[in-house]
Amino acid sequence: ELVATITSVRNTNYANSVKGRFTISRDNARNTVY
């Protein structure tokens, strides 16, 4: 199941079950998503 997504412009989506508890982010300089 989907947990979270983040687009190239940092739009985010979260599953209802994790909303408010989980945070997705990205560091383009390190090619890393968290």
ModelCIF file with pLDDT and N, C-alpha, C, O atoms, coordinates in Angstrom:
data_MODEL
#
_entry.id   MODEL 
#
_entity.id                         1 
_entity.type                       polymer 
_entity.pdbx_number_of_molecules   1 
#
_entity_poly.entity_id                      1 
_entity_poly.type                           'polypeptide(L)' 
_entity_poly.nstd_linkage                   no 
_entity_poly.nstd_monomer                   no 
_entity_poly.pdbx_seq_one_letter_code       ELVATITSVRNTNYANSVKGRFTISRDNARNTVY 
_entity_poly.pdbx_seq_one_letter_code_can   ELVATITSVRNTNYANSVKGRFTISRDNARNTVY 
_entity_poly.pdbx_strand_id                 A 
#
loop_
_entity_poly_seq.entity_id 
_entity_poly_seq.num 
_entity_poly_seq.mon_id 
_entity_poly_seq.hetero 
1 1  GLU n 
1 2  LEU n 
1 3  VAL n 
1 4  ALA n 
1 5  THR n 
1 6  ILE n 
1 7  THR n 
1 8  SER n 
1 9  VAL n 
1 10 ARG n 
1 11 ASN n 
1 12 THR n 
1 13 ASN n 
1 14 TYR n 
1 15 ALA n 
1 16 ASN n 
1 17 SER n 
1 18 VAL n 
1 19 LYS n 
1 20 GLY n 
1 21 ARG n 
1 22 PHE n 
1 23 THR n 
1 24 ILE n 
1 25 SER n 
1 26 ARG n 
1 27 ASP n 
1 28 ASN n 
1 29 ALA n 
1 30 ARG n 
1 31 ASN n 
1 32 THR n 
1 33 VAL n 
1 34 TYR n 
#
_struct_asym.id          A 
_struct_asym.entity_id   1 
#
loop_
_ma_qa_metric.id 
_ma_qa_metric.mode 
_ma_qa_metric.name 
_ma_qa_metric.software_group_id 
_ma_qa_metric.type 
1 global pLDDT . pLDDT 
2 local  pLDDT . pLDDT 
#
_ma_qa_metric_global.metric_id      1 
_ma_qa_metric_global.metric_value   97.91 
_ma_qa_metric_global.model_id       1 
_ma_qa_metric_global.ordinal_id     1 
#
loop_
_ma_qa_metric_local.label_asym_id 
_ma_qa_metric_local.label_comp_id 
_ma_qa_metric_local.label_seq_id 
_ma_qa_metric_local.metric_id 
_ma_qa_metric_local.metric_value 
_ma_qa_metric_local.model_id 
_ma_qa_metric_local.ordinal_id 
A GLU 1  2 98.00 1 1  
A LEU 2  2 98.00 1 2  
A VAL 3  2 98.00 1 3  
A ALA 4  2 98.00 1 4  
A THR 5  2 98.00 1 5  
A ILE 6  2 98.00 1 6  
A THR 7  2 98.00 1 7  
A SER 8  2 97.00 1 8  
A VAL 9  2 97.00 1 9  
A ARG 10 2 97.00 1 10 
A ASN 11 2 98.00 1 11 
A THR 12 2 98.00 1 12 
A ASN 13 2 98.00 1 13 
A TYR 14 2 98.00 1 14 
A ALA 15 2 98.00 1 15 
A ASN 16 2 98.00 1 16 
A SER 17 2 98.00 1 17 
A VAL 18 2 98.00 1 18 
A LYS 19 2 98.00 1 19 
A GLY 20 2 98.00 1 20 
A ARG 21 2 98.00 1 21 
A PHE 22 2 98.00 1 22 
A THR 23 2 98.00 1 23 
A ILE 24 2 98.00 1 24 
A SER 25 2 98.00 1 25 
A ARG 26 2 98.00 1 26 
A ASP 27 2 98.00 1 27 
A ASN 28 2 98.00 1 28 
A ALA 29 2 98.00 1 29 
A ARG 30 2 98.00 1 30 
A ASN 31 2 98.00 1 31 
A THR 32 2 98.00 1 32 
A VAL 33 2 98.00 1 33 
A TYR 34 2 98.00 1 34 
#
loop_
_atom_site.group_PDB 
_atom_site.id 
_atom_site.type_symbol 
_atom_site.label_atom_id 
_atom_site.label_alt_id 
_atom_site.label_comp_id 
_atom_site.label_asym_id 
_atom_site.label_entity_id 
_atom_site.label_seq_id 
_atom_site.pdbx_PDB_ins_code 
_atom_site.Cartn_x 
_atom_site.Cartn_y 
_atom_site.Cartn_z 
_atom_site.occupancy 
_atom_site.B_iso_or_equiv 
_atom_site.pdbx_formal_charge 
_atom_site.auth_seq_id 
_atom_site.auth_comp_id 
_atom_site.auth_asym_id 
_atom_site.auth_atom_id 
_atom_site.pdbx_PDB_model_num 
ATOM 1   N N  . GLU A 1 1  ? 0.817  -1.196 0.000  1.00 98.00 ? 1  GLU A N  1 
ATOM 2   C CA . GLU A 1 1  ? 0.000  0.000  0.000  1.00 98.00 ? 1  GLU A CA 1 
ATOM 3   C C  . GLU A 1 1  ? 0.858  1.256  0.000  1.00 98.00 ? 1  GLU A C  1 
ATOM 4   O O  . GLU A 1 1  ? 1.985  1.262  0.495  1.00 98.00 ? 1  GLU A O  1 
ATOM 5   N N  . LEU A 1 2  ? 0.301  2.313  -0.564 1.00 98.00 ? 2  LEU A N  1 
ATOM 6   C CA . LEU A 1 2  ? 0.972  3.605  -0.588 1.00 98.00 ? 2  LEU A CA 1 
ATOM 7   C C  . LEU A 1 2  ? 1.010  4.194  0.814  1.00 98.00 ? 2  LEU A C  1 
ATOM 8   O O  . LEU A 1 2  ? 0.011  4.166  1.533  1.00 98.00 ? 2  LEU A O  1 
ATOM 9   N N  . VAL A 1 3  ? 2.166  4.728  1.202  1.00 98.00 ? 3  VAL A N  1 
ATOM 10  C CA . VAL A 1 3  ? 2.323  5.437  2.462  1.00 98.00 ? 3  VAL A CA 1 
ATOM 11  C C  . VAL A 1 3  ? 2.374  6.940  2.224  1.00 98.00 ? 3  VAL A C  1 
ATOM 12  O O  . VAL A 1 3  ? 1.613  7.695  2.829  1.00 98.00 ? 3  VAL A O  1 
ATOM 13  N N  . ALA A 1 4  ? 3.275  7.375  1.338  1.00 98.00 ? 4  ALA A N  1 
ATOM 14  C CA . ALA A 1 4  ? 3.438  8.796  1.057  1.00 98.00 ? 4  ALA A CA 1 
ATOM 15  C C  . ALA A 1 4  ? 4.157  8.977  -0.268 1.00 98.00 ? 4  ALA A C  1 
ATOM 16  O O  . ALA A 1 4  ? 4.956  8.133  -0.671 1.00 98.00 ? 4  ALA A O  1 
ATOM 17  N N  . THR A 1 5  ? 3.867  10.091 -0.947 1.00 98.00 ? 5  THR A N  1 
ATOM 18  C CA . THR A 1 5  ? 4.582  10.462 -2.162 1.00 98.00 ? 5  THR A CA 1 
ATOM 19  C C  . THR A 1 5  ? 4.978  11.927 -2.092 1.00 98.00 ? 5  THR A C  1 
ATOM 20  O O  . THR A 1 5  ? 4.370  12.719 -1.371 1.00 98.00 ? 5  THR A O  1 
ATOM 21  N N  . ILE A 1 6  ? 6.011  12.272 -2.856 1.00 98.00 ? 6  ILE A N  1 
ATOM 22  C CA . ILE A 1 6  ? 6.444  13.655 -2.971 1.00 98.00 ? 6  ILE A CA 1 
ATOM 23  C C  . ILE A 1 6  ? 6.879  13.901 -4.407 1.00 98.00 ? 6  ILE A C  1 
ATOM 24  O O  . ILE A 1 6  ? 7.675  13.140 -4.957 1.00 98.00 ? 6  ILE A O  1 
ATOM 25  N N  . THR A 1 7  ? 6.357  14.966 -5.017 1.00 98.00 ? 7  THR A N  1 
ATOM 26  C CA . THR A 1 7  ? 6.662  15.273 -6.399 1.00 98.00 ? 7  THR A CA 1 
ATOM 27  C C  . THR A 1 7  ? 7.910  16.123 -6.506 1.00 98.00 ? 7  THR A C  1 
ATOM 28  O O  . THR A 1 7  ? 8.518  16.496 -5.503 1.00 98.00 ? 7  THR A O  1 
ATOM 29  N N  . SER A 1 8  ? 8.283  16.424 -7.754 1.00 97.00 ? 8  SER A N  1 
ATOM 30  C CA . SER A 1 8  ? 9.460  17.244 -8.009 1.00 97.00 ? 8  SER A CA 1 
ATOM 31  C C  . SER A 1 8  ? 9.314  18.664 -7.470 1.00 97.00 ? 8  SER A C  1 
ATOM 32  O O  . SER A 1 8  ? 10.312 19.330 -7.192 1.00 97.00 ? 8  SER A O  1 
ATOM 33  N N  . VAL A 1 9  ? 8.076  19.129 -7.323 1.00 97.00 ? 9  VAL A N  1 
ATOM 34  C CA . VAL A 1 9  ? 7.836  20.457 -6.760 1.00 97.00 ? 9  VAL A CA 1 
ATOM 35  C C  . VAL A 1 9  ? 7.405  20.377 -5.296 1.00 97.00 ? 9  VAL A C  1 
ATOM 36  O O  . VAL A 1 9  ? 6.903  21.351 -4.735 1.00 97.00 ? 9  VAL A O  1 
ATOM 37  N N  . ARG A 1 10 ? 7.604  19.213 -4.687 1.00 97.00 ? 10 ARG A N  1 
ATOM 38  C CA . ARG A 1 10 ? 7.378  18.975 -3.261 1.00 97.00 ? 10 ARG A CA 1 
ATOM 39  C C  . ARG A 1 10 ? 5.914  19.010 -2.842 1.00 97.00 ? 10 ARG A C  1 
ATOM 40  O O  . ARG A 1 10 ? 5.601  19.337 -1.698 1.00 97.00 ? 10 ARG A O  1 
ATOM 41  N N  . ASN A 1 11 ? 5.018  18.675 -3.769 1.00 98.00 ? 11 ASN A N  1 
ATOM 42  C CA . ASN A 1 11 ? 3.656  18.342 -3.377 1.00 98.00 ? 11 ASN A CA 1 
ATOM 43  C C  . ASN A 1 11 ? 3.668  16.966 -2.729 1.00 98.00 ? 11 ASN A C  1 
ATOM 44  O O  . ASN A 1 11 ? 4.349  16.064 -3.216 1.00 98.00 ? 11 ASN A O  1 
ATOM 45  N N  . THR A 1 12 ? 2.930  16.789 -1.642 1.00 98.00 ? 12 THR A N  1 
ATOM 46  C CA . THR A 1 12 ? 2.931  15.536 -0.903 1.00 98.00 ? 12 THR A CA 1 
ATOM 47  C C  . THR A 1 12 ? 1.532  14.959 -0.770 1.00 98.00 ? 12 THR A C  1 
ATOM 48  O O  . THR A 1 12 ? 0.543  15.688 -0.706 1.00 98.00 ? 12 THR A O  1 
ATOM 49  N N  . ASN A 1 13 ? 1.472  13.631 -0.730 1.00 98.00 ? 13 ASN A N  1 
ATOM 50  C CA . ASN A 1 13 ? 0.256  12.894 -0.436 1.00 98.00 ? 13 ASN A CA 1 
ATOM 51  C C  . ASN A 1 13 ? 0.563  11.853 0.622  1.00 98.00 ? 13 ASN A C  1 
ATOM 52  O O  . ASN A 1 13 ? 1.654  11.283 0.641  1.00 98.00 ? 13 ASN A O  1 
ATOM 53  N N  . TYR A 1 14 ? -0.405 11.601 1.513  1.00 98.00 ? 14 TYR A N  1 
ATOM 54  C CA . TYR A 1 14 ? -0.231 10.626 2.577  1.00 98.00 ? 14 TYR A CA 1 
ATOM 55  C C  . TYR A 1 14 ? -1.445 9.719  2.674  1.00 98.00 ? 14 TYR A C  1 
ATOM 56  O O  . TYR A 1 14 ? -2.575 10.146 2.435  1.00 98.00 ? 14 TYR A O  1 
ATOM 57  N N  . ALA A 1 15 ? -1.202 8.469  3.025  1.00 98.00 ? 15 ALA A N  1 
ATOM 58  C CA . ALA A 1 15 ? -2.290 7.592  3.395  1.00 98.00 ? 15 ALA A CA 1 
ATOM 59  C C  . ALA A 1 15 ? -2.965 8.129  4.650  1.00 98.00 ? 15 ALA A C  1 
ATOM 60  O O  . ALA A 1 15 ? -2.302 8.674  5.532  1.00 98.00 ? 15 ALA A O  1 
ATOM 61  N N  . ASN A 1 16 ? -4.287 7.976  4.730  1.00 98.00 ? 16 ASN A N  1 
ATOM 62  C CA . ASN A 1 16 ? -5.009 8.473  5.900  1.00 98.00 ? 16 ASN A CA 1 
ATOM 63  C C  . ASN A 1 16 ? -4.485 7.863  7.201  1.00 98.00 ? 16 ASN A C  1 
ATOM 64  O O  . ASN A 1 16 ? -4.511 8.515  8.245  1.00 98.00 ? 16 ASN A O  1 
ATOM 65  N N  . SER A 1 17 ? -4.016 6.631  7.144  1.00 98.00 ? 17 SER A N  1 
ATOM 66  C CA . SER A 1 17 ? -3.568 5.944  8.341  1.00 98.00 ? 17 SER A CA 1 
ATOM 67  C C  . SER A 1 17 ? -2.289 6.532  8.936  1.00 98.00 ? 17 SER A C  1 
ATOM 68  O O  . SER A 1 17 ? -1.985 6.287  10.104 1.00 98.00 ? 17 SER A O  1 
ATOM 69  N N  . VAL A 1 18 ? -1.536 7.305  8.149  1.00 98.00 ? 18 VAL A N  1 
ATOM 70  C CA . VAL A 1 18 ? -0.276 7.866  8.636  1.00 98.00 ? 18 VAL A CA 1 
ATOM 71  C C  . VAL A 1 18 ? -0.286 9.385  8.687  1.00 98.00 ? 18 VAL A C  1 
ATOM 72  O O  . VAL A 1 18 ? 0.667  9.986  9.183  1.00 98.00 ? 18 VAL A O  1 
ATOM 73  N N  . LYS A 1 19 ? -1.330 10.011 8.190  1.00 98.00 ? 19 LYS A N  1 
ATOM 74  C CA . LYS A 1 19 ? -1.411 11.466 8.132  1.00 98.00 ? 19 LYS A CA 1 
ATOM 75  C C  . LYS A 1 19 ? -1.289 12.065 9.531  1.00 98.00 ? 19 LYS A C  1 
ATOM 76  O O  . LYS A 1 19 ? -1.973 11.644 10.464 1.00 98.00 ? 19 LYS A O  1 
ATOM 77  N N  . GLY A 1 20 ? -0.414 13.046 9.656  1.00 98.00 ? 20 GLY A N  1 
ATOM 78  C CA . GLY A 1 20 ? -0.174 13.678 10.941 1.00 98.00 ? 20 GLY A CA 1 
ATOM 79  C C  . GLY A 1 20 ? 0.917  13.033 11.758 1.00 98.00 ? 20 GLY A C  1 
ATOM 80  O O  . GLY A 1 20 ? 1.388  13.620 12.732 1.00 98.00 ? 20 GLY A O  1 
ATOM 81  N N  . ARG A 1 21 ? 1.334  11.826 11.381 1.00 98.00 ? 21 ARG A N  1 
ATOM 82  C CA . ARG A 1 21 ? 2.388  11.112 12.098 1.00 98.00 ? 21 ARG A CA 1 
ATOM 83  C C  . ARG A 1 21 ? 3.664  10.978 11.277 1.00 98.00 ? 21 ARG A C  1 
ATOM 84  O O  . ARG A 1 21 ? 4.766  11.040 11.822 1.00 98.00 ? 21 ARG A O  1 
ATOM 85  N N  . PHE A 1 22 ? 3.517  10.794 9.955  1.00 98.00 ? 22 PHE A N  1 
ATOM 86  C CA . PHE A 1 22 ? 4.656  10.598 9.065  1.00 98.00 ? 22 PHE A CA 1 
ATOM 87  C C  . PHE A 1 22 ? 4.875  11.843 8.215  1.00 98.00 ? 22 PHE A C  1 
ATOM 88  O O  . PHE A 1 22 ? 3.926  12.557 7.892  1.00 98.00 ? 22 PHE A O  1 
ATOM 89  N N  . THR A 1 23 ? 6.133  12.102 7.854  1.00 98.00 ? 23 THR A N  1 
ATOM 90  C CA . THR A 1 23 ? 6.480  13.206 6.979  1.00 98.00 ? 23 THR A CA 1 
ATOM 91  C C  . THR A 1 23 ? 7.471  12.730 5.928  1.00 98.00 ? 23 THR A C  1 
ATOM 92  O O  . THR A 1 23 ? 8.519  12.178 6.262  1.00 98.00 ? 23 THR A O  1 
ATOM 93  N N  . ILE A 1 24 ? 7.138  12.942 4.654  1.00 98.00 ? 24 ILE A N  1 
ATOM 94  C CA . ILE A 1 24 ? 8.055  12.629 3.571  1.00 98.00 ? 24 ILE A CA 1 
ATOM 95  C C  . ILE A 1 24 ? 8.763  13.909 3.139  1.00 98.00 ? 24 ILE A C  1 
ATOM 96  O O  . ILE A 1 24 ? 8.147  14.973 3.078  1.00 98.00 ? 24 ILE A O  1 
ATOM 97  N N  . SER A 1 25 ? 10.050 13.805 2.841  1.00 98.00 ? 25 SER A N  1 
ATOM 98  C CA . SER A 1 25 ? 10.822 14.955 2.399  1.00 98.00 ? 25 SER A CA 1 
ATOM 99  C C  . SER A 1 25 ? 11.900 14.495 1.427  1.00 98.00 ? 25 SER A C  1 
ATOM 100 O O  . SER A 1 25 ? 12.147 13.297 1.287  1.00 98.00 ? 25 SER A O  1 
ATOM 101 N N  . ARG A 1 26 ? 12.538 15.443 0.760  1.00 98.00 ? 26 ARG A N  1 
ATOM 102 C CA . ARG A 1 26 ? 13.596 15.089 -0.184 1.00 98.00 ? 26 ARG A CA 1 
ATOM 103 C C  . ARG A 1 26 ? 14.715 16.101 -0.126 1.00 98.00 ? 26 ARG A C  1 
ATOM 104 O O  . ARG A 1 26 ? 14.495 17.279 0.154  1.00 98.00 ? 26 ARG A O  1 
ATOM 105 N N  . ASP A 1 27 ? 15.927 15.625 -0.396 1.00 98.00 ? 27 ASP A N  1 
ATOM 106 C CA . ASP A 1 27 ? 17.116 16.455 -0.482 1.00 98.00 ? 27 ASP A CA 1 
ATOM 107 C C  . ASP A 1 27 ? 17.709 16.202 -1.858 1.00 98.00 ? 27 ASP A C  1 
ATOM 108 O O  . ASP A 1 27 ? 18.408 15.211 -2.067 1.00 98.00 ? 27 ASP A O  1 
ATOM 109 N N  . ASN A 1 28 ? 17.429 17.100 -2.795 1.00 98.00 ? 28 ASN A N  1 
ATOM 110 C CA . ASN A 1 28 ? 17.879 16.890 -4.164 1.00 98.00 ? 28 ASN A CA 1 
ATOM 111 C C  . ASN A 1 28 ? 19.398 16.932 -4.309 1.00 98.00 ? 28 ASN A C  1 
ATOM 112 O O  . ASN A 1 28 ? 19.947 16.304 -5.214 1.00 98.00 ? 28 ASN A O  1 
ATOM 113 N N  . ALA A 1 29 ? 20.082 17.660 -3.434 1.00 98.00 ? 29 ALA A N  1 
ATOM 114 C CA . ALA A 1 29 ? 21.540 17.716 -3.480 1.00 98.00 ? 29 ALA A CA 1 
ATOM 115 C C  . ALA A 1 29 ? 22.165 16.375 -3.127 1.00 98.00 ? 29 ALA A C  1 
ATOM 116 O O  . ALA A 1 29 ? 23.284 16.084 -3.549 1.00 98.00 ? 29 ALA A O  1 
ATOM 117 N N  . ARG A 1 30 ? 21.454 15.553 -2.355 1.00 98.00 ? 30 ARG A N  1 
ATOM 118 C CA . ARG A 1 30 ? 21.952 14.243 -1.955 1.00 98.00 ? 30 ARG A CA 1 
ATOM 119 C C  . ARG A 1 30 ? 21.230 13.101 -2.646 1.00 98.00 ? 30 ARG A C  1 
ATOM 120 O O  . ARG A 1 30 ? 21.496 11.936 -2.349 1.00 98.00 ? 30 ARG A O  1 
ATOM 121 N N  . ASN A 1 31 ? 20.314 13.411 -3.569 1.00 98.00 ? 31 ASN A N  1 
ATOM 122 C CA . ASN A 1 31 ? 19.515 12.393 -4.262 1.00 98.00 ? 31 ASN A CA 1 
ATOM 123 C C  . ASN A 1 31 ? 18.873 11.424 -3.277 1.00 98.00 ? 31 ASN A C  1 
ATOM 124 O O  . ASN A 1 31 ? 18.895 10.210 -3.482 1.00 98.00 ? 31 ASN A O  1 
ATOM 125 N N  . THR A 1 32 ? 18.304 11.969 -2.212 1.00 98.00 ? 32 THR A N  1 
ATOM 126 C CA . THR A 1 32 ? 17.768 11.151 -1.126 1.00 98.00 ? 32 THR A CA 1 
ATOM 127 C C  . THR A 1 32 ? 16.363 11.598 -0.750 1.00 98.00 ? 32 THR A C  1 
ATOM 128 O O  . THR A 1 32 ? 16.076 12.792 -0.664 1.00 98.00 ? 32 THR A O  1 
ATOM 129 N N  . VAL A 1 33 ? 15.493 10.618 -0.528 1.00 98.00 ? 33 VAL A N  1 
ATOM 130 C CA . VAL A 1 33 ? 14.160 10.867 -0.004 1.00 98.00 ? 33 VAL A CA 1 
ATOM 131 C C  . VAL A 1 33 ? 14.074 10.243 1.387  1.00 98.00 ? 33 VAL A C  1 
ATOM 132 O O  . VAL A 1 33 ? 14.639 9.177  1.629  1.00 98.00 ? 33 VAL A O  1 
ATOM 133 N N  . TYR A 1 34 ? 13.365 10.910 2.301  1.00 98.00 ? 34 TYR A N  1 
ATOM 134 C CA . TYR A 1 34 ? 13.264 10.478 3.680  1.00 98.00 ? 34 TYR A CA 1 
ATOM 135 C C  . TYR A 1 34 ? 11.803 10.232 4.067  1.00 98.00 ? 34 TYR A C  1 
ATOM 136 O O  . TYR A 1 34 ? 11.520 9.859  5.205  1.00 98.00 ? 34 TYR A O  1 
#
